[in-house]
C-alpha cells in the first residue's frame, strides 16, 4: 500500500480538515465496494480504500464528492 501525504491530500480536496478528508475517503471506499466499481487500470488485489486515495491523489474524484465535502464545510 502506498502511503499518502495528508498535506498533499488537503490541497487536492480544498480543505484543511483532516477529519473531513478521512470521512470523504472512507465514504468513497464504501461506495466503491458497494458498487463493485473497479477501474480497469487497477490491479485486482487493490483494496477499495487504496482506490479512493488514488482517485484523490490523481484528482480523478468525481466533482459531486468534492461538492459534498464543500457543503459539509459550511
Protein backbone atom coordinates (compact mmCIF):
# COMPACT_ATOMS: atom_id res chain seq x y z
CA UNK A 1 0.00 0.00 0.00
CA UNK A 2 1.24 3.43 -0.88
CA UNK A 3 1.44 6.00 1.91
CA UNK A 4 -0.15 9.34 1.12
CA UNK A 5 0.88 12.73 2.43
CA UNK A 6 -2.15 14.18 4.23
CA UNK A 7 -0.99 17.73 3.46
CA UNK A 8 -0.97 16.98 -0.27
CA UNK A 9 -4.45 15.47 0.01
CA UNK A 10 -5.60 18.62 1.82
CA UNK A 11 -4.65 20.79 -1.13
CA UNK A 12 -6.29 18.44 -3.62
CA UNK A 13 -9.53 18.30 -1.61
CA UNK A 14 -9.62 22.02 -0.93
CA UNK A 15 -9.93 21.70 2.84
CA UNK A 16 -7.51 21.60 5.74
CA UNK A 17 -9.79 19.50 7.93
CA UNK A 18 -8.18 16.06 8.23
CA UNK A 19 -11.35 14.57 9.72
CA UNK A 20 -13.39 15.58 6.66
CA UNK A 21 -10.76 14.18 4.30
CA UNK A 22 -10.78 10.89 6.22
CA UNK A 23 -14.57 10.84 6.11
CA UNK A 24 -14.53 11.52 2.37
CA UNK A 25 -12.02 8.73 1.69
CA UNK A 26 -13.91 6.16 3.75
CA UNK A 27 -17.27 7.12 2.24
CA UNK A 28 -15.83 6.86 -1.27
CA UNK A 29 -14.23 3.49 -0.49
CA UNK A 30 -17.53 2.21 0.89
CA UNK A 31 -19.38 3.45 -2.20
CA UNK A 32 -16.84 1.77 -4.50
CA UNK A 33 -17.20 -1.52 -2.62
CA UNK A 34 -21.00 -1.38 -2.76
CA UNK A 35 -20.99 -0.56 -6.47
CA UNK A 36 -18.20 -3.03 -7.19
CA UNK A 37 -16.60 -0.31 -9.29
CA UNK A 38 -13.10 -1.32 -10.27
CA UNK A 39 -11.05 0.88 -12.53
CA UNK A 40 -9.62 -1.10 -15.44
CA UNK A 41 -6.07 0.03 -14.71
CA UNK A 42 -6.27 -1.00 -11.05
CA UNK A 43 -4.78 -4.37 -10.06
CA UNK A 44 -7.33 -6.96 -8.94
CA UNK A 45 -5.91 -7.21 -5.43
CA UNK A 46 -6.14 -3.44 -4.83
CA UNK A 47 -8.35 -2.51 -1.88
CA UNK A 48 -11.20 -0.03 -2.20
CA UNK A 49 -9.58 2.28 0.33
CA UNK A 50 -6.44 2.43 -1.81
CA UNK A 51 -8.54 3.11 -4.90
CA UNK A 52 -10.32 6.01 -3.16
CA UNK A 53 -6.98 7.52 -2.10
CA UNK A 54 -5.61 7.04 -5.61
CA UNK A 55 -8.61 8.87 -7.09
CA UNK A 56 -7.98 11.84 -4.82
CA UNK A 57 -4.24 11.80 -5.44
CA UNK A 58 -4.73 11.71 -9.23
CA UNK A 59 -7.51 14.32 -8.96
CA UNK A 60 -9.98 11.88 -10.54
CA UNK A 61 -12.54 12.05 -7.77
CA UNK A 62 -15.98 12.90 -9.21
CA UNK A 63 -16.98 16.54 -8.69
CA UNK A 64 -20.08 15.52 -6.75
CA UNK A 65 -17.90 14.12 -3.99
CA UNK A 66 -15.85 17.30 -3.67
CA UNK A 67 -19.03 19.40 -3.75
CA UNK A 68 -20.42 17.31 -0.90
CA UNK A 69 -17.22 17.96 1.08
CA UNK A 70 -17.62 21.70 0.47
CA UNK A 71 -21.24 21.59 1.68
CA UNK A 72 -20.14 19.92 4.89
CA UNK A 73 -17.52 22.63 5.38
CA UNK A 74 -20.11 25.39 5.59
